[in-house]
Amino acid sequence: MKRNGWNYVPGGCAFTGWYVEGDAPVDDTIQYKPIQININGAWRTISG
């Protein structure tokens, strides 16, 4: 994570959470999960 900067999730993922620790952005934790679709009963991960 970059101090005083924007934070991004990887391509093909969705932002799911943000945990704030203290006043500095560098202490924050972002959470993300891969985007998946169901094709004919099988789950597939979409790549970015």
C-alpha atoms as a PDB file:
ATOM      1  CA  MET A   1       0.000   0.000   0.000  1.00  0.00           C
ATOM      2  CA  LYS A   2       1.226   3.456  -0.831  1.00  0.00           C
ATOM      3  CA  ARG A   3       1.306   6.185   1.768  1.00  0.00           C
ATOM      4  CA  ASN A   4      -1.089   9.035   0.897  1.00  0.00           C
ATOM      5  CA  GLY A   5      -1.962   7.318  -2.378  1.00  0.00           C
ATOM      6  CA  TRP A   6      -4.729   5.350  -4.016  1.00  0.00           C
ATOM      7  CA  ASN A   7      -4.913   1.620  -3.530  1.00  0.00           C
ATOM      8  CA  TYR A   8      -6.085  -0.750  -6.227  1.00  0.00           C
ATOM      9  CA  VAL A   9      -7.245  -4.349  -6.439  1.00  0.00           C
ATOM     10  CA  PRO A  10      -5.869  -6.641  -9.174  1.00  0.00           C
ATOM     11  CA  GLY A  11      -7.695  -7.007 -12.474  1.00  0.00           C
ATOM     12  CA  GLY A  12     -10.438  -9.640 -12.372  1.00  0.00           C
ATOM     13  CA  CYS A  13     -11.090  -9.018  -8.671  1.00  0.00           C
ATOM     14  CA  ALA A  14     -13.808  -7.210  -6.730  1.00  0.00           C
ATOM     15  CA  PHE A  15     -13.205  -4.998  -3.696  1.00  0.00           C
ATOM     16  CA  THR A  16     -14.815  -6.647  -0.645  1.00  0.00           C
ATOM     17  CA  GLY A  17     -13.540  -4.798   2.406  1.00  0.00           C
ATOM     18  CA  TRP A  18     -11.364  -2.113   3.923  1.00  0.00           C
ATOM     19  CA  TYR A  19      -9.939  -2.264   7.443  1.00  0.00           C
ATOM     20  CA  VAL A  20      -8.731   1.104   8.773  1.00  0.00           C
ATOM     21  CA  GLU A  21      -5.896   1.027  11.312  1.00  0.00           C
ATOM     22  CA  GLY A  22      -4.893   4.397  12.715  1.00  0.00           C
ATOM     23  CA  ASP A  23      -4.671   7.741  10.934  1.00  0.00           C
ATOM     24  CA  ALA A  24      -2.082   6.933   8.244  1.00  0.00           C
ATOM     25  CA  PRO A  25      -3.312   5.328   4.976  1.00  0.00           C
ATOM     26  CA  VAL A  26      -0.266   3.055   5.016  1.00  0.00           C
ATOM     27  CA  ASP A  27      -1.803   1.166   7.965  1.00  0.00           C
ATOM     28  CA  ASP A  28      -5.049   0.305   6.128  1.00  0.00           C
ATOM     29  CA  THR A  29      -5.766  -3.171   4.776  1.00  0.00           C
ATOM     30  CA  ILE A  30      -7.874  -3.761   1.670  1.00  0.00           C
ATOM     31  CA  GLN A  31      -9.555  -7.067   0.913  1.00  0.00           C
ATOM     32  CA  TYR A  32     -10.602  -8.479  -2.459  1.00  0.00           C
ATOM     33  CA  LYS A  33     -11.832 -11.695  -4.059  1.00  0.00           C
ATOM     34  CA  PRO A  34     -11.615 -13.015  -7.636  1.00  0.00           C
ATOM     35  CA  ILE A  35     -14.704 -12.581  -9.807  1.00  0.00           C
ATOM     36  CA  GLN A  36     -16.218 -15.937 -10.748  1.00  0.00           C
ATOM     37  CA  ILE A  37     -19.015 -17.091 -13.044  1.00  0.00           C
ATOM     38  CA  ASN A  38     -20.867 -20.390 -13.219  1.00  0.00           C
ATOM     39  CA  ILE A  39     -20.732 -22.048 -16.654  1.00  0.00           C
ATOM     40  CA  ASN A  40     -22.730 -25.285 -16.984  1.00  0.00           C
ATOM     41  CA  GLY A  41     -22.382 -26.039 -13.264  1.00  0.00           C
ATOM     42  CA  ALA A  42     -18.636 -25.321 -13.052  1.00  0.00           C
ATOM     43  CA  TRP A  43     -17.242 -22.191 -11.403  1.00  0.00           C
ATOM     44  CA  ARG A  44     -14.680 -20.292 -13.495  1.00  0.00           C
ATOM     45  CA  THR A  45     -12.465 -17.447 -12.324  1.00  0.00           C
ATOM     46  CA  ILE A  46     -12.422 -14.414 -14.612  1.00  0.00           C
ATOM     47  CA  SER A  47      -8.908 -13.099 -15.190  1.00  0.00           C
ATOM     48  CA  GLY A  48      -8.253  -9.387 -15.663  1.00  0.00           C
END
